[in-house]
N, C-alpha and C. Protein backbone atom coordinates (compact mmCIF):
# COMPACT_ATOMS: atom_id res chain seq x y z
N UNK A 1 4.91 8.49 3.03
CA UNK A 1 5.86 7.45 2.74
C UNK A 1 6.56 7.83 1.44
N UNK A 2 7.79 7.34 1.28
CA UNK A 2 8.50 7.58 0.03
C UNK A 2 8.67 6.26 -0.73
N UNK A 3 9.12 6.36 -1.98
CA UNK A 3 9.23 5.20 -2.86
C UNK A 3 10.18 4.15 -2.29
N UNK A 4 11.29 4.60 -1.75
CA UNK A 4 12.27 3.67 -1.18
C UNK A 4 11.65 2.82 -0.07
N UNK A 5 10.93 3.47 0.83
CA UNK A 5 10.31 2.73 1.94
C UNK A 5 9.21 1.81 1.44
N UNK A 6 8.44 2.23 0.47
CA UNK A 6 7.39 1.38 -0.09
C UNK A 6 8.00 0.11 -0.68
N UNK A 7 9.14 0.24 -1.37
CA UNK A 7 9.83 -0.93 -1.92
C UNK A 7 10.35 -1.84 -0.81
N UNK A 8 10.88 -1.26 0.25
CA UNK A 8 11.36 -2.05 1.39
C UNK A 8 10.22 -2.87 1.99
N UNK A 9 9.08 -2.23 2.17
CA UNK A 9 7.91 -2.92 2.74
C UNK A 9 7.45 -4.03 1.80
N UNK A 10 7.41 -3.75 0.51
CA UNK A 10 6.98 -4.74 -0.47
C UNK A 10 7.86 -5.99 -0.43
N UNK A 11 9.17 -5.81 -0.27
CA UNK A 11 10.11 -6.93 -0.27
C UNK A 11 10.30 -7.59 1.09
N UNK A 12 9.80 -6.98 2.13
CA UNK A 12 10.01 -7.49 3.48
C UNK A 12 9.27 -8.80 3.72
N UNK A 13 9.93 -9.76 4.37
CA UNK A 13 9.23 -11.00 4.74
C UNK A 13 8.30 -10.78 5.95
N UNK A 14 8.49 -9.67 6.64
CA UNK A 14 7.67 -9.34 7.81
C UNK A 14 6.41 -8.60 7.38
N UNK A 15 5.38 -8.72 8.19
CA UNK A 15 4.15 -7.94 7.95
C UNK A 15 4.35 -6.55 8.55
N UNK A 16 4.28 -5.56 7.72
CA UNK A 16 4.42 -4.17 8.15
C UNK A 16 3.09 -3.48 7.87
N UNK A 17 2.51 -2.90 8.90
CA UNK A 17 1.20 -2.27 8.77
C UNK A 17 1.29 -0.98 7.96
N UNK A 18 0.50 -0.93 6.89
CA UNK A 18 0.43 0.25 6.02
C UNK A 18 -1.04 0.64 5.90
N UNK A 19 -1.28 1.94 5.89
CA UNK A 19 -2.66 2.45 5.86
C UNK A 19 -2.84 3.44 4.71
N UNK A 20 -4.02 3.40 4.12
CA UNK A 20 -4.43 4.38 3.12
C UNK A 20 -5.78 4.91 3.56
N UNK A 21 -5.84 6.20 3.79
CA UNK A 21 -7.06 6.86 4.29
C UNK A 21 -7.59 6.16 5.55
N UNK A 22 -6.66 5.77 6.41
CA UNK A 22 -7.02 5.17 7.69
C UNK A 22 -7.36 3.69 7.65
N UNK A 23 -7.36 3.08 6.46
CA UNK A 23 -7.69 1.67 6.32
C UNK A 23 -6.43 0.86 6.04
N UNK A 24 -6.30 -0.33 6.64
CA UNK A 24 -5.12 -1.16 6.39
C UNK A 24 -5.12 -1.71 4.96
N UNK A 25 -3.95 -1.66 4.32
CA UNK A 25 -3.80 -2.12 2.94
C UNK A 25 -2.53 -2.94 2.78
N UNK A 26 -2.49 -3.70 1.68
CA UNK A 26 -1.30 -4.42 1.25
C UNK A 26 -0.76 -3.71 0.02
N UNK A 27 0.56 -3.61 -0.07
CA UNK A 27 1.20 -3.07 -1.27
C UNK A 27 1.48 -4.25 -2.20
N UNK A 28 0.97 -4.18 -3.43
CA UNK A 28 1.16 -5.25 -4.42
C UNK A 28 2.30 -4.94 -5.39
N UNK A 29 2.44 -3.68 -5.75
CA UNK A 29 3.48 -3.24 -6.70
C UNK A 29 3.85 -1.81 -6.39
N UNK A 30 5.08 -1.45 -6.78
CA UNK A 30 5.53 -0.06 -6.67
C UNK A 30 6.03 0.38 -8.04
N UNK A 31 5.56 1.53 -8.50
CA UNK A 31 6.03 2.12 -9.75
C UNK A 31 6.87 3.33 -9.38
N UNK A 32 8.18 3.15 -9.47
CA UNK A 32 9.10 4.23 -9.05
C UNK A 32 8.98 5.46 -9.94
N UNK A 33 8.73 5.26 -11.24
CA UNK A 33 8.64 6.38 -12.17
C UNK A 33 7.50 7.32 -11.86
N UNK A 34 6.34 6.75 -11.59
CA UNK A 34 5.16 7.59 -11.31
C UNK A 34 4.93 7.79 -9.82
N UNK A 35 5.76 7.15 -9.00
CA UNK A 35 5.65 7.24 -7.53
C UNK A 35 4.25 6.83 -7.06
N UNK A 36 3.77 5.72 -7.66
CA UNK A 36 2.48 5.17 -7.26
C UNK A 36 2.66 3.73 -6.80
N UNK A 37 1.66 3.25 -6.08
CA UNK A 37 1.65 1.86 -5.64
C UNK A 37 0.31 1.25 -5.97
N UNK A 38 0.35 -0.01 -6.39
CA UNK A 38 -0.89 -0.77 -6.55
C UNK A 38 -1.14 -1.43 -5.20
N UNK A 39 -2.31 -1.18 -4.64
CA UNK A 39 -2.64 -1.70 -3.31
C UNK A 39 -4.00 -2.38 -3.34
N UNK A 40 -4.26 -3.15 -2.30
CA UNK A 40 -5.62 -3.66 -2.07
C UNK A 40 -5.88 -3.62 -0.58
N UNK A 41 -7.14 -3.50 -0.23
CA UNK A 41 -7.51 -3.38 1.18
C UNK A 41 -7.30 -4.71 1.89
N UNK A 42 -6.76 -4.63 3.10
CA UNK A 42 -6.54 -5.83 3.92
C UNK A 42 -7.86 -6.40 4.41
N UNK A 43 -8.76 -5.53 4.82
CA UNK A 43 -10.08 -5.94 5.30
C UNK A 43 -11.08 -5.68 4.19
N UNK A 44 -11.74 -6.73 3.75
CA UNK A 44 -12.65 -6.60 2.61
C UNK A 44 -14.09 -6.73 3.10
N UNK A 45 -14.72 -5.58 3.32
CA UNK A 45 -16.09 -5.57 3.83
C UNK A 45 -17.12 -5.17 2.77
N UNK A 46 -16.63 -4.62 1.66
CA UNK A 46 -17.53 -4.21 0.57
C UNK A 46 -17.15 -5.00 -0.69
N UNK A 47 -18.08 -5.17 -1.62
CA UNK A 47 -17.80 -5.98 -2.82
C UNK A 47 -16.55 -5.56 -3.60
N UNK A 48 -16.29 -4.27 -3.73
CA UNK A 48 -15.13 -3.81 -4.52
C UNK A 48 -13.83 -3.77 -3.73
N UNK A 49 -13.84 -4.09 -2.45
CA UNK A 49 -12.63 -4.00 -1.63
C UNK A 49 -11.53 -4.95 -2.08
N UNK A 50 -11.88 -6.05 -2.75
CA UNK A 50 -10.86 -7.00 -3.19
C UNK A 50 -10.11 -6.51 -4.43
N UNK A 51 -10.66 -5.51 -5.11
CA UNK A 51 -10.05 -5.00 -6.33
C UNK A 51 -8.85 -4.12 -6.01
N UNK A 52 -7.69 -4.39 -6.63
CA UNK A 52 -6.54 -3.51 -6.42
C UNK A 52 -6.75 -2.17 -7.12
N UNK A 53 -6.06 -1.16 -6.62
CA UNK A 53 -6.12 0.17 -7.24
C UNK A 53 -4.81 0.89 -6.99
N UNK A 54 -4.56 1.93 -7.77
CA UNK A 54 -3.31 2.68 -7.69
C UNK A 54 -3.50 3.96 -6.90
N UNK A 55 -2.50 4.27 -6.07
CA UNK A 55 -2.51 5.51 -5.29
C UNK A 55 -1.10 6.10 -5.28
N UNK A 56 -1.03 7.38 -5.03
CA UNK A 56 0.26 8.04 -4.85
C UNK A 56 0.89 7.52 -3.56
N UNK A 57 2.16 7.15 -3.63
CA UNK A 57 2.84 6.59 -2.46
C UNK A 57 2.85 7.58 -1.30
N UNK A 58 2.86 8.87 -1.60
CA UNK A 58 2.89 9.86 -0.52
C UNK A 58 1.64 9.79 0.36
N UNK A 59 0.57 9.14 -0.12
CA UNK A 59 -0.66 9.02 0.66
C UNK A 59 -0.69 7.78 1.55
N UNK A 60 0.34 6.93 1.45
CA UNK A 60 0.42 5.74 2.29
C UNK A 60 1.11 6.10 3.60
N UNK A 61 0.62 5.55 4.68
CA UNK A 61 1.18 5.80 6.01
C UNK A 61 1.57 4.47 6.64
N UNK A 62 2.74 4.46 7.24
CA UNK A 62 3.21 3.28 7.96
C UNK A 62 2.83 3.41 9.43
N UNK A 63 2.41 2.30 10.01
CA UNK A 63 2.08 2.31 11.44
C UNK A 63 3.34 2.59 12.24
N UNK A 64 3.23 3.42 13.27
CA UNK A 64 4.41 3.73 14.08
C UNK A 64 4.43 2.99 15.37
């Protein structure tokens, strides 16, 4: 994924499926300068899953 698309998804009123390492996530913020996104897991099965974390946007995949 690129920064432009991550921003589009973040601003979209529609639910767009995004995955990080095969797991569904929500994009909370996009940092265009560092090309990172703050995300959190959609499905929270472990104690730390609710905690947001930063990843490189290039590692995010949109469902096709």
